[in-house]
């Protein structure tokens, strides 16, 4: 089973679209009451996504990648540029559909995930910096998200600040704390080499269950709407493509100008990879039935995010030079 899950984790490019199709078919052919009950799985799935990342995270690596200039510029892009760009696109493309605009905003407000670290590693970037970006970005995003949503869309979207904060505590901070203590417990029982070899590889596989489960639920909830109006998928894809194209281009230019290869690659993935699973959980659990519209936007982001991240790896040498050029 573990080998099967680890194989899926390495093939998210195909696994996510397959799970979306499965969610769509389930949503079409199941009773609406059955589909609605899937919402109860969102919190457990999100826990499965966040918790394993913290178990495998070596806190000691944080010191290795703590370049203040790199982290400040990365988080400035994450919180001063991308969310407002997404907000503007939401107003332009969805002037009469505020919850669709909410989906764009939420997808842009929660930077970094375990995939930030993974893709940085695939591209031979600075892993220490990527780990810092993941922890800092996820923490800042979780704290800032309710305030951004209230300030930017509070006039057109029903925002229950207490409920949003409660959801973030449940699906972000509690799993982070539990993951840290789980790691410490394992290290008391096993040596670090033994933990890395036999225990740690299983946790990303657990995270994969969470990601795929959330995608399945999000698509299933909106399956009948999609079937009734399939053209809406194309309408949603356009602003998403613009956001990711802008994000990759802008971060690549900034990285090339200001940082060496390894740092630049970490910065690109630290700003482009968004924590879509947490954004989905917030959309579905904190915004009622209308939140499903926001969740559809976020779910479709998975397709673009994973595919574009994989393709970007192929071009990193062209953009920043080969690994040997890194200093």
C-alpha atoms as a PDB file:
ATOM      1  CA  UNK A   1       0.000   0.000   0.000  1.00  0.00           C
ATOM      2  CA  UNK A   2       2.763   2.442   0.954  1.00  0.00           C
ATOM      3  CA  UNK A   3       4.614   1.795  -2.308  1.00  0.00           C
ATOM      4  CA  UNK A   4       1.392   2.432  -4.222  1.00  0.00           C
ATOM      5  CA  UNK A   5       0.781   5.726  -2.398  1.00  0.00           C
ATOM      6  CA  UNK A   6       4.391   6.829  -2.878  1.00  0.00           C
ATOM      7  CA  UNK A   7       4.069   6.087  -6.593  1.00  0.00           C
ATOM      8  CA  UNK A   8       0.956   8.263  -6.760  1.00  0.00           C
ATOM      9  CA  UNK A   9       2.791  11.035  -4.894  1.00  0.00           C
ATOM     10  CA  UNK A  10       5.423  11.043  -7.630  1.00  0.00           C
ATOM     11  CA  UNK A  11       2.763  11.187 -10.359  1.00  0.00           C
ATOM     12  CA  UNK A  12       0.429  13.955  -9.203  1.00  0.00           C
ATOM     13  CA  UNK A  13       0.459  15.382 -12.735  1.00  0.00           C
ATOM     14  CA  UNK A  14      -1.825  12.547 -13.806  1.00  0.00           C
ATOM     15  CA  UNK A  15      -3.335  11.600 -10.420  1.00  0.00           C
ATOM     16  CA  UNK A  16      -5.040  14.955  -9.831  1.00  0.00           C
ATOM     17  CA  UNK A  17      -6.937  15.084 -13.180  1.00  0.00           C
ATOM     18  CA  UNK A  18      -7.983  11.447 -12.677  1.00  0.00           C
ATOM     19  CA  UNK A  19      -9.302  12.243  -9.209  1.00  0.00           C
ATOM     20  CA  UNK A  20     -11.129  15.288 -10.601  1.00  0.00           C
ATOM     21  CA  UNK A  21     -12.825  13.056 -13.166  1.00  0.00           C
ATOM     22  CA  UNK A  22     -13.751  10.610 -10.418  1.00  0.00           C
ATOM     23  CA  UNK A  23     -15.227  13.407  -8.325  1.00  0.00           C
ATOM     24  CA  UNK A  24     -17.184  14.693 -11.302  1.00  0.00           C
ATOM     25  CA  UNK A  25     -18.695  11.274 -12.066  1.00  0.00           C
ATOM     26  CA  UNK A  26     -19.515  10.682  -8.408  1.00  0.00           C
ATOM     27  CA  UNK A  27     -21.199  14.067  -8.160  1.00  0.00           C
ATOM     28  CA  UNK A  28     -23.226  13.467 -11.314  1.00  0.00           C
ATOM     29  CA  UNK A  29     -24.533  10.005 -10.481  1.00  0.00           C
ATOM     30  CA  UNK A  30     -24.962  10.264  -6.712  1.00  0.00           C
ATOM     31  CA  UNK A  31     -27.839  11.682  -4.726  1.00  0.00           C
ATOM     32  CA  UNK A  32     -27.324  15.318  -3.777  1.00  0.00           C
ATOM     33  CA  UNK A  33     -27.664  14.475  -0.089  1.00  0.00           C
ATOM     34  CA  UNK A  34     -24.839  11.929  -0.413  1.00  0.00           C
ATOM     35  CA  UNK A  35     -22.607  14.445  -2.185  1.00  0.00           C
ATOM     36  CA  UNK A  36     -23.342  17.111   0.426  1.00  0.00           C
ATOM     37  CA  UNK A  37     -22.131  14.802   3.198  1.00  0.00           C
ATOM     38  CA  UNK A  38     -18.692  14.736   1.569  1.00  0.00           C
ATOM     39  CA  UNK A  39     -18.090  18.169   3.119  1.00  0.00           C
ATOM     40  CA  UNK A  40     -17.514  16.417   6.429  1.00  0.00           C
ATOM     41  CA  UNK A  41     -14.339  14.891   4.971  1.00  0.00           C
ATOM     42  CA  UNK A  42     -12.672  18.208   4.162  1.00  0.00           C
ATOM     43  CA  UNK A  43     -11.158  18.823   7.606  1.00  0.00           C
ATOM     44  CA  UNK A  44      -9.751  15.257   7.960  1.00  0.00           C
ATOM     45  CA  UNK A  45      -8.306  15.425   4.438  1.00  0.00           C
ATOM     46  CA  UNK A  46      -6.722  18.812   5.129  1.00  0.00           C
ATOM     47  CA  UNK A  47      -5.236  17.486   8.356  1.00  0.00           C
ATOM     48  CA  UNK A  48      -3.704  14.634   6.339  1.00  0.00           C
ATOM     49  CA  UNK A  49      -2.169  17.204   4.010  1.00  0.00           C
ATOM     50  CA  UNK A  50      -0.579  19.520   6.627  1.00  0.00           C
ATOM     51  CA  UNK A  51       0.348  17.090   9.403  1.00  0.00           C
ATOM     52  CA  UNK A  52       2.780  14.867   7.408  1.00  0.00           C
ATOM     53  CA  UNK A  53       4.684  17.908   6.150  1.00  0.00           C
ATOM     54  CA  UNK A  54       5.490  18.939   9.714  1.00  0.00           C
ATOM     55  CA  UNK A  55       6.504  15.410  10.745  1.00  0.00           C
ATOM     56  CA  UNK A  56       9.141  15.275   8.012  1.00  0.00           C
ATOM     57  CA  UNK A  57      10.281  18.883   8.468  1.00  0.00           C
ATOM     58  CA  UNK A  58      13.698  19.204  10.101  1.00  0.00           C
ATOM     59  CA  UNK A  59      13.550  22.435  12.090  1.00  0.00           C
ATOM     60  CA  UNK A  60      17.353  22.617  12.082  1.00  0.00           C
ATOM     61  CA  UNK A  61      17.210  23.289   8.341  1.00  0.00           C
ATOM     62  CA  UNK A  62      15.474  26.594   9.012  1.00  0.00           C
ATOM     63  CA  UNK A  63      18.760  28.200  10.090  1.00  0.00           C
ATOM     64  CA  UNK A  64      20.472  27.001   6.905  1.00  0.00           C
ATOM     65  CA  UNK A  65      18.124  28.914   4.608  1.00  0.00           C
ATOM     66  CA  UNK A  66      17.481  32.014   6.675  1.00  0.00           C
ATOM     67  CA  UNK A  67      18.605  34.660   4.192  1.00  0.00           C
ATOM     68  CA  UNK A  68      16.715  37.775   5.323  1.00  0.00           C
ATOM     69  CA  UNK A  69      16.811  39.509   1.933  1.00  0.00           C
ATOM     70  CA  UNK A  70      15.552  36.391   0.141  1.00  0.00           C
ATOM     71  CA  UNK A  71      12.772  35.769   2.635  1.00  0.00           C
ATOM     72  CA  UNK A  72      11.616  39.406   2.713  1.00  0.00           C
ATOM     73  CA  UNK A  73      11.408  39.687  -1.072  1.00  0.00           C
ATOM     74  CA  UNK A  74       9.661  36.307  -1.314  1.00  0.00           C
ATOM     75  CA  UNK A  75       7.002  37.244   1.222  1.00  0.00           C
ATOM     76  CA  UNK A  76       6.612  40.710  -0.313  1.00  0.00           C
ATOM     77  CA  UNK A  77       5.699  39.020  -3.604  1.00  0.00           C
ATOM     78  CA  UNK A  78       3.402  36.617  -1.745  1.00  0.00           C
ATOM     79  CA  UNK A  79       1.470  39.251   0.177  1.00  0.00           C
ATOM     80  CA  UNK A  80       1.912  42.629  -1.535  1.00  0.00           C
ATOM     81  CA  UNK A  81       1.755  41.686  -5.211  1.00  0.00           C
ATOM     82  CA  UNK A  82       0.075  38.363  -6.010  1.00  0.00           C
ATOM     83  CA  UNK A  83      -3.083  38.744  -3.845  1.00  0.00           C
ATOM     84  CA  UNK A  84      -3.851  42.209  -5.247  1.00  0.00           C
ATOM     85  CA  UNK A  85      -3.193  41.008  -8.791  1.00  0.00           C
ATOM     86  CA  UNK A  86      -5.609  38.109  -8.192  1.00  0.00           C
ATOM     87  CA  UNK A  87      -8.136  40.477  -6.617  1.00  0.00           C
ATOM     88  CA  UNK A  88      -8.033  42.751  -9.677  1.00  0.00           C
ATOM     89  CA  UNK A  89      -8.529  39.783 -12.003  1.00  0.00           C
ATOM     90  CA  UNK A  90     -11.433  38.626  -9.878  1.00  0.00           C
ATOM     91  CA  UNK A  91     -13.150  41.986 -10.222  1.00  0.00           C
ATOM     92  CA  UNK A  92     -12.569  41.973 -13.982  1.00  0.00           C
ATOM     93  CA  UNK A  93     -13.607  38.389 -14.787  1.00  0.00           C
ATOM     94  CA  UNK A  94     -16.280  37.854 -12.120  1.00  0.00           C
ATOM     95  CA  UNK A  95     -17.901  41.254 -11.443  1.00  0.00           C
ATOM     96  CA  UNK A  96     -21.273  39.601 -10.740  1.00  0.00           C
ATOM     97  CA  UNK A  97     -19.904  36.430  -9.115  1.00  0.00           C
ATOM     98  CA  UNK A  98     -18.100  37.510  -5.920  1.00  0.00           C
ATOM     99  CA  UNK A  99     -17.560  33.961  -4.697  1.00  0.00           C
ATOM    100  CA  UNK A 100     -15.668  33.097  -7.870  1.00  0.00           C
ATOM    101  CA  UNK A 101     -13.508  36.148  -7.173  1.00  0.00           C
ATOM    102  CA  UNK A 102     -13.137  34.849  -3.619  1.00  0.00           C
ATOM    103  CA  UNK A 103     -11.742  31.617  -5.041  1.00  0.00           C
ATOM    104  CA  UNK A 104      -9.026  33.523  -6.913  1.00  0.00           C
ATOM    105  CA  UNK A 105      -8.196  35.536  -3.808  1.00  0.00           C
ATOM    106  CA  UNK A 106      -8.008  32.525  -1.472  1.00  0.00           C
ATOM    107  CA  UNK A 107      -5.833  30.641  -3.951  1.00  0.00           C
ATOM    108  CA  UNK A 108      -3.388  33.549  -3.915  1.00  0.00           C
ATOM    109  CA  UNK A 109      -3.390  34.170  -0.151  1.00  0.00           C
ATOM    110  CA  UNK A 110      -1.912  30.918   1.148  1.00  0.00           C
ATOM    111  CA  UNK A 111       1.573  30.511  -0.314  1.00  0.00           C
ATOM    112  CA  UNK A 112       3.741  27.414  -0.195  1.00  0.00           C
ATOM    113  CA  UNK A 113       3.070  23.790   0.560  1.00  0.00           C
ATOM    114  CA  UNK A 114       5.090  20.629   0.789  1.00  0.00           C
ATOM    115  CA  UNK A 115       5.309  20.800  -3.002  1.00  0.00           C
ATOM    116  CA  UNK A 116       7.368  23.996  -2.695  1.00  0.00           C
ATOM    117  CA  UNK A 117      10.113  21.947  -1.077  1.00  0.00           C
ATOM    118  CA  UNK A 118       9.689  19.018  -3.473  1.00  0.00           C
ATOM    119  CA  UNK A 119       9.837  21.030  -6.683  1.00  0.00           C
ATOM    120  CA  UNK A 120      12.762  23.095  -5.381  1.00  0.00           C
ATOM    121  CA  UNK A 121      14.577  19.814  -4.810  1.00  0.00           C
ATOM    122  CA  UNK A 122      13.727  18.504  -8.279  1.00  0.00           C
ATOM    123  CA  UNK A 123      15.164  21.710  -9.794  1.00  0.00           C
ATOM    124  CA  UNK A 124      18.246  21.531  -7.538  1.00  0.00           C
ATOM    125  CA  UNK A 125      17.450  24.776  -5.769  1.00  0.00           C
ATOM    126  CA  UNK A 126      18.170  25.909  -2.198  1.00  0.00           C
ATOM    127  CA  UNK A 127      16.241  23.444  -0.019  1.00  0.00           C
ATOM    128  CA  UNK A 128      16.959  25.288   3.242  1.00  0.00           C
ATOM    129  CA  UNK A 129      15.472  28.465   1.792  1.00  0.00           C
ATOM    130  CA  UNK A 130      12.447  26.558   0.475  1.00  0.00           C
ATOM    131  CA  UNK A 131      11.782  25.073   3.923  1.00  0.00           C
ATOM    132  CA  UNK A 132      11.902  28.555   5.459  1.00  0.00           C
ATOM    133  CA  UNK A 133       9.558  29.909   2.811  1.00  0.00           C
ATOM    134  CA  UNK A 134       7.116  27.084   3.458  1.00  0.00           C
ATOM    135  CA  UNK A 135       6.939  27.633   7.214  1.00  0.00           C
ATOM    136  CA  UNK A 136       6.998  31.446   7.071  1.00  0.00           C
ATOM    137  CA  UNK A 137       4.617  31.720   4.118  1.00  0.00           C
ATOM    138  CA  UNK A 138       2.074  29.258   5.490  1.00  0.00           C
ATOM    139  CA  UNK A 139       2.101  30.894   8.918  1.00  0.00           C
ATOM    140  CA  UNK A 140       1.808  34.458   7.593  1.00  0.00           C
ATOM    141  CA  UNK A 141      -0.828  33.440   5.051  1.00  0.00           C
ATOM    142  CA  UNK A 142      -2.938  31.711   7.677  1.00  0.00           C
ATOM    143  CA  UNK A 143      -2.837  34.795   9.892  1.00  0.00           C
ATOM    144  CA  UNK A 144      -3.392  37.320   7.097  1.00  0.00           C
ATOM    145  CA  UNK A 145      -6.060  35.525   5.026  1.00  0.00           C
ATOM    146  CA  UNK A 146      -9.121  36.524   7.110  1.00  0.00           C
ATOM    147  CA  UNK A 147      -8.083  40.185   7.096  1.00  0.00           C
ATOM    148  CA  UNK A 148      -7.406  40.254   3.341  1.00  0.00           C
ATOM    149  CA  UNK A 149     -10.757  38.643   2.580  1.00  0.00           C
ATOM    150  CA  UNK A 150     -12.604  41.024   4.909  1.00  0.00           C
ATOM    151  CA  UNK A 151     -10.830  44.121   3.549  1.00  0.00           C
ATOM    152  CA  UNK A 152     -11.053  43.266  -0.159  1.00  0.00           C
ATOM    153  CA  UNK A 153     -14.310  41.322  -0.500  1.00  0.00           C
ATOM    154  CA  UNK A 154     -16.119  41.924   2.758  1.00  0.00           C
ATOM    155  CA  UNK A 155     -18.635  44.219   1.049  1.00  0.00           C
ATOM    156  CA  UNK A 156     -19.750  41.537  -1.431  1.00  0.00           C
ATOM    157  CA  UNK A 157     -19.020  38.271   0.399  1.00  0.00           C
ATOM    158  CA  UNK A 158     -20.454  37.191   3.746  1.00  0.00           C
ATOM    159  CA  UNK A 159     -17.293  36.855   5.852  1.00  0.00           C
ATOM    160  CA  UNK A 160     -17.555  35.313   9.319  1.00  0.00           C
ATOM    161  CA  UNK A 161     -14.135  36.262  10.675  1.00  0.00           C
ATOM    162  CA  UNK A 162     -14.433  34.069  13.757  1.00  0.00           C
ATOM    163  CA  UNK A 163     -15.381  31.036  11.660  1.00  0.00           C
ATOM    164  CA  UNK A 164     -12.531  31.632   9.205  1.00  0.00           C
ATOM    165  CA  UNK A 165     -10.004  31.989  12.036  1.00  0.00           C
ATOM    166  CA  UNK A 166     -11.383  28.865  13.715  1.00  0.00           C
ATOM    167  CA  UNK A 167     -10.996  26.871  10.500  1.00  0.00           C
ATOM    168  CA  UNK A 168      -7.412  28.043  10.061  1.00  0.00           C
ATOM    169  CA  UNK A 169      -6.519  27.055  13.634  1.00  0.00           C
ATOM    170  CA  UNK A 170      -8.045  23.596  13.113  1.00  0.00           C
ATOM    171  CA  UNK A 171      -6.576  22.848   9.683  1.00  0.00           C
ATOM    172  CA  UNK A 172      -3.210  24.626   9.932  1.00  0.00           C
ATOM    173  CA  UNK A 173      -1.865  25.315  13.395  1.00  0.00           C
ATOM    174  CA  UNK A 174      -3.061  22.209  15.241  1.00  0.00           C
ATOM    175  CA  UNK A 175      -1.632  19.816  12.592  1.00  0.00           C
ATOM    176  CA  UNK A 176       1.616  21.810  12.580  1.00  0.00           C
ATOM    177  CA  UNK A 177       2.006  21.473  16.344  1.00  0.00           C
ATOM    178  CA  UNK A 178       1.049  17.792  16.386  1.00  0.00           C
ATOM    179  CA  UNK A 179       3.396  17.084  13.498  1.00  0.00           C
ATOM    180  CA  UNK A 180       6.315  18.669  15.333  1.00  0.00           C
ATOM    181  CA  UNK A 181       5.727  16.602  18.487  1.00  0.00           C
ATOM    182  CA  UNK A 182       5.230  13.429  16.436  1.00  0.00           C
ATOM    183  CA  UNK A 183       8.642  13.945  14.866  1.00  0.00           C
ATOM    184  CA  UNK A 184      10.233  14.404  18.282  1.00  0.00           C
ATOM    185  CA  UNK A 185       8.594  11.199  19.517  1.00  0.00           C
ATOM    186  CA  UNK A 186       9.907   9.222  16.538  1.00  0.00           C
ATOM    187  CA  UNK A 187      13.425  10.596  17.013  1.00  0.00           C
ATOM    188  CA  UNK A 188      13.416   9.420  20.627  1.00  0.00           C
ATOM    189  CA  UNK A 189      12.673   5.891  19.410  1.00  0.00           C
ATOM    190  CA  UNK A 190      14.683   5.809  16.165  1.00  0.00           C
ATOM    191  CA  UNK A 191      18.012   7.249  15.061  1.00  0.00           C
ATOM    192  CA  UNK A 192      17.843  10.081  12.503  1.00  0.00           C
ATOM    193  CA  UNK A 193      19.202   7.898   9.626  1.00  0.00           C
ATOM    194  CA  UNK A 194      16.674   5.168  10.476  1.00  0.00           C
ATOM    195  CA  UNK A 195      13.845   7.710  10.664  1.00  0.00           C
ATOM    196  CA  UNK A 196      14.778   9.177   7.273  1.00  0.00           C
ATOM    197  CA  UNK A 197      15.033   5.755   5.632  1.00  0.00           C
ATOM    198  CA  UNK A 198      12.092   3.835   7.073  1.00  0.00           C
ATOM    199  CA  UNK A 199       9.611   6.294   8.568  1.00  0.00           C
ATOM    200  CA  UNK A 200       9.776   9.687   6.831  1.00  0.00           C
ATOM    201  CA  UNK A 201       9.060   8.463   3.238  1.00  0.00           C
ATOM    202  CA  UNK A 202       5.601   7.293   4.299  1.00  0.00           C
ATOM    203  CA  UNK A 203       4.370  10.695   5.391  1.00  0.00           C
ATOM    204  CA  UNK A 204       4.327  12.414   1.967  1.00  0.00           C
ATOM    205  CA  UNK A 205       2.203   9.450   0.838  1.00  0.00           C
ATOM    206  CA  UNK A 206      -0.276  10.290   3.616  1.00  0.00           C
ATOM    207  CA  UNK A 207      -0.268  13.886   2.420  1.00  0.00           C
ATOM    208  CA  UNK A 208      -1.169  12.683  -1.068  1.00  0.00           C
ATOM    209  CA  UNK A 209      -4.357  11.093   0.299  1.00  0.00           C
ATOM    210  CA  UNK A 210      -5.339  14.464   1.727  1.00  0.00           C
ATOM    211  CA  UNK A 211      -4.676  16.395  -1.480  1.00  0.00           C
ATOM    212  CA  UNK A 212      -6.496  13.954  -3.745  1.00  0.00           C
ATOM    213  CA  UNK A 213      -9.391  13.616  -1.307  1.00  0.00           C
ATOM    214  CA  UNK A 214      -9.949  17.354  -1.151  1.00  0.00           C
ATOM    215  CA  UNK A 215      -9.838  17.660  -4.944  1.00  0.00           C
ATOM    216  CA  UNK A 216     -12.365  14.824  -5.266  1.00  0.00           C
ATOM    217  CA  UNK A 217     -14.784  16.465  -2.822  1.00  0.00           C
ATOM    218  CA  UNK A 218     -14.463  19.951  -4.359  1.00  0.00           C
ATOM    219  CA  UNK A 219     -15.292  18.719  -7.859  1.00  0.00           C
ATOM    220  CA  UNK A 220     -18.062  16.399  -6.673  1.00  0.00           C
ATOM    221  CA  UNK A 221     -19.816  19.286  -4.910  1.00  0.00           C
ATOM    222  CA  UNK A 222     -19.995  21.283  -8.152  1.00  0.00           C
ATOM    223  CA  UNK A 223     -20.366  18.388 -10.618  1.00  0.00           C
ATOM    224  CA  UNK A 224     -23.993  19.061 -11.534  1.00  0.00           C
ATOM    225  CA  UNK A 225     -23.261  22.768 -12.011  1.00  0.00           C
ATOM    226  CA  UNK A 226     -20.332  21.938 -14.292  1.00  0.00           C
ATOM    227  CA  UNK A 227     -22.452  19.491 -16.297  1.00  0.00           C
ATOM    228  CA  UNK A 228     -25.170  22.106 -16.705  1.00  0.00           C
ATOM    229  CA  UNK A 229     -22.721  24.820 -17.810  1.00  0.00           C
ATOM    230  CA  UNK A 230     -19.391  23.306 -18.967  1.00  0.00           C
ATOM    231  CA  UNK A 231     -18.354  26.612 -20.547  1.00  0.00           C
ATOM    232  CA  UNK A 232     -17.785  27.998 -17.055  1.00  0.00           C
ATOM    233  CA  UNK A 233     -14.638  25.872 -16.807  1.00  0.00           C
ATOM    234  CA  UNK A 234     -13.086  27.791 -19.686  1.00  0.00           C
ATOM    235  CA  UNK A 235     -14.093  31.085 -18.105  1.00  0.00           C
ATOM    236  CA  UNK A 236     -12.404  30.084 -14.847  1.00  0.00           C
ATOM    237  CA  UNK A 237      -9.252  28.778 -16.514  1.00  0.00           C
ATOM    238  CA  UNK A 238      -8.464  32.106 -18.213  1.00  0.00           C
ATOM    239  CA  UNK A 239      -7.771  34.208 -15.076  1.00  0.00           C
ATOM    240  CA  UNK A 240      -5.998  31.244 -13.465  1.00  0.00           C
ATOM    241  CA  UNK A 241      -3.665  30.926 -16.434  1.00  0.00           C
ATOM    242  CA  UNK A 242      -2.982  34.664 -16.301  1.00  0.00           C
ATOM    243  CA  UNK A 243      -2.161  34.534 -12.569  1.00  0.00           C
ATOM    244  CA  UNK A 244       0.280  31.632 -12.906  1.00  0.00           C
ATOM    245  CA  UNK A 245       1.902  33.040 -16.049  1.00  0.00           C
ATOM    246  CA  UNK A 246       2.390  36.399 -14.345  1.00  0.00           C
ATOM    247  CA  UNK A 247       3.653  34.794 -11.141  1.00  0.00           C
ATOM    248  CA  UNK A 248       6.221  32.570 -12.869  1.00  0.00           C
ATOM    249  CA  UNK A 249       7.415  35.407 -15.109  1.00  0.00           C
ATOM    250  CA  UNK A 250       7.656  38.048 -12.384  1.00  0.00           C
ATOM    251  CA  UNK A 251       9.383  35.756  -9.869  1.00  0.00           C
ATOM    252  CA  UNK A 252      11.812  34.480 -12.497  1.00  0.00           C
ATOM    253  CA  UNK A 253      12.843  38.014 -13.426  1.00  0.00           C
ATOM    254  CA  UNK A 254      13.275  39.072  -9.782  1.00  0.00           C
ATOM    255  CA  UNK A 255      15.179  35.889  -8.984  1.00  0.00           C
ATOM    256  CA  UNK A 256      17.508  36.271 -11.944  1.00  0.00           C
ATOM    257  CA  UNK A 257      18.292  39.890 -11.091  1.00  0.00           C
ATOM    258  CA  UNK A 258      18.829  39.601  -7.343  1.00  0.00           C
ATOM    259  CA  UNK A 259      19.806  36.042  -6.425  1.00  0.00           C
ATOM    260  CA  UNK A 260      22.099  33.135  -7.329  1.00  0.00           C
ATOM    261  CA  UNK A 261      20.617  30.072  -8.987  1.00  0.00           C
ATOM    262  CA  UNK A 262      19.654  28.036  -5.920  1.00  0.00           C
ATOM    263  CA  UNK A 263      18.018  30.953  -4.113  1.00  0.00           C
ATOM    264  CA  UNK A 264      16.217  32.117  -7.244  1.00  0.00           C
ATOM    265  CA  UNK A 265      14.672  28.686  -7.851  1.00  0.00           C
ATOM    266  CA  UNK A 266      13.528  28.477  -4.227  1.00  0.00           C
ATOM    267  CA  UNK A 267      11.974  31.935  -4.533  1.00  0.00           C
ATOM    268  CA  UNK A 268      10.072  31.010  -7.699  1.00  0.00           C
ATOM    269  CA  UNK A 269       8.544  27.920  -6.137  1.00  0.00           C
ATOM    270  CA  UNK A 270       8.094  29.748  -2.829  1.00  0.00           C
ATOM    271  CA  UNK A 271       5.876  32.312  -4.540  1.00  0.00           C
ATOM    272  CA  UNK A 272       4.106  30.314  -7.257  1.00  0.00           C
ATOM    273  CA  UNK A 273       3.152  27.198  -5.294  1.00  0.00           C
ATOM    274  CA  UNK A 274      -0.009  27.960  -3.351  1.00  0.00           C
ATOM    275  CA  UNK A 275      -1.474  25.864  -0.544  1.00  0.00           C
ATOM    276  CA  UNK A 276      -4.618  25.042  -2.454  1.00  0.00           C
ATOM    277  CA  UNK A 277      -5.734  22.303  -0.070  1.00  0.00           C
ATOM    278  CA  UNK A 278      -6.035  24.724   2.836  1.00  0.00           C
ATOM    279  CA  UNK A 279      -7.676  27.313   0.582  1.00  0.00           C
ATOM    280  CA  UNK A 280     -10.231  24.672  -0.455  1.00  0.00           C
ATOM    281  CA  UNK A 281     -10.961  23.736   3.133  1.00  0.00           C
ATOM    282  CA  UNK A 282     -11.539  27.369   4.089  1.00  0.00           C
ATOM    283  CA  UNK A 283     -13.772  27.994   1.062  1.00  0.00           C
ATOM    284  CA  UNK A 284     -15.983  24.986   1.706  1.00  0.00           C
ATOM    285  CA  UNK A 285     -16.177  25.117   5.510  1.00  0.00           C
ATOM    286  CA  UNK A 286     -16.255  28.861   6.180  1.00  0.00           C
ATOM    287  CA  UNK A 287     -18.446  30.258   3.394  1.00  0.00           C
ATOM    288  CA  UNK A 288     -21.510  28.042   3.305  1.00  0.00           C
ATOM    289  CA  UNK A 289     -23.082  26.796   0.080  1.00  0.00           C
ATOM    290  CA  UNK A 290     -21.701  29.699  -1.947  1.00  0.00           C
ATOM    291  CA  UNK A 291     -18.219  28.650  -0.891  1.00  0.00           C
ATOM    292  CA  UNK A 292     -18.513  25.738  -3.338  1.00  0.00           C
ATOM    293  CA  UNK A 293     -18.143  28.263  -6.176  1.00  0.00           C
ATOM    294  CA  UNK A 294     -14.890  29.496  -4.687  1.00  0.00           C
ATOM    295  CA  UNK A 295     -13.817  25.872  -4.152  1.00  0.00           C
ATOM    296  CA  UNK A 296     -14.333  25.095  -7.854  1.00  0.00           C
ATOM    297  CA  UNK A 297     -11.928  27.877  -8.823  1.00  0.00           C
ATOM    298  CA  UNK A 298      -9.351  26.636  -6.333  1.00  0.00           C
ATOM    299  CA  UNK A 299      -9.738  23.005  -7.407  1.00  0.00           C
ATOM    300  CA  UNK A 300      -9.086  23.876 -11.045  1.00  0.00           C
ATOM    301  CA  UNK A 301      -5.948  25.690  -9.919  1.00  0.00           C
ATOM    302  CA  UNK A 302      -4.448  22.295  -9.088  1.00  0.00           C
ATOM    303  CA  UNK A 303      -4.290  21.339 -12.755  1.00  0.00           C
ATOM    304  CA  UNK A 304      -2.383  24.467 -13.747  1.00  0.00           C
ATOM    305  CA  UNK A 305      -0.174  24.544 -10.653  1.00  0.00           C
ATOM    306  CA  UNK A 306       1.086  20.969 -10.840  1.00  0.00           C
ATOM    307  CA  UNK A 307       1.541  20.945 -14.611  1.00  0.00           C
ATOM    308  CA  UNK A 308       3.312  24.316 -14.692  1.00  0.00           C
ATOM    309  CA  UNK A 309       5.585  23.382 -11.764  1.00  0.00           C
ATOM    310  CA  UNK A 310       6.690  20.240 -13.562  1.00  0.00           C
ATOM    311  CA  UNK A 311       7.363  22.080 -16.815  1.00  0.00           C
ATOM    312  CA  UNK A 312       9.281  24.833 -15.045  1.00  0.00           C
ATOM    313  CA  UNK A 313      11.788  22.268 -13.745  1.00  0.00           C
ATOM    314  CA  UNK A 314      12.714  21.539 -17.362  1.00  0.00           C
ATOM    315  CA  UNK A 315      13.564  25.210 -17.993  1.00  0.00           C
ATOM    316  CA  UNK A 316      15.455  26.114 -14.820  1.00  0.00           C
ATOM    317  CA  UNK A 317      18.878  25.465 -16.378  1.00  0.00           C
ATOM    318  CA  UNK A 318      17.950  27.712 -19.278  1.00  0.00           C
ATOM    319  CA  UNK A 319      16.745  30.507 -16.990  1.00  0.00           C
ATOM    320  CA  UNK A 320      19.398  30.316 -14.268  1.00  0.00           C
ATOM    321  CA  UNK A 321      22.217  28.190 -15.662  1.00  0.00           C
ATOM    322  CA  UNK A 322      23.218  24.639 -14.660  1.00  0.00           C
ATOM    323  CA  UNK A 323      23.618  23.682 -10.969  1.00  0.00           C
ATOM    324  CA  UNK A 324      27.403  23.983 -11.215  1.00  0.00           C
ATOM    325  CA  UNK A 325      26.929  27.732 -11.817  1.00  0.00           C
ATOM    326  CA  UNK A 326      25.326  28.103  -8.373  1.00  0.00           C
ATOM    327  CA  UNK A 327      27.554  29.740  -5.782  1.00  0.00           C
END
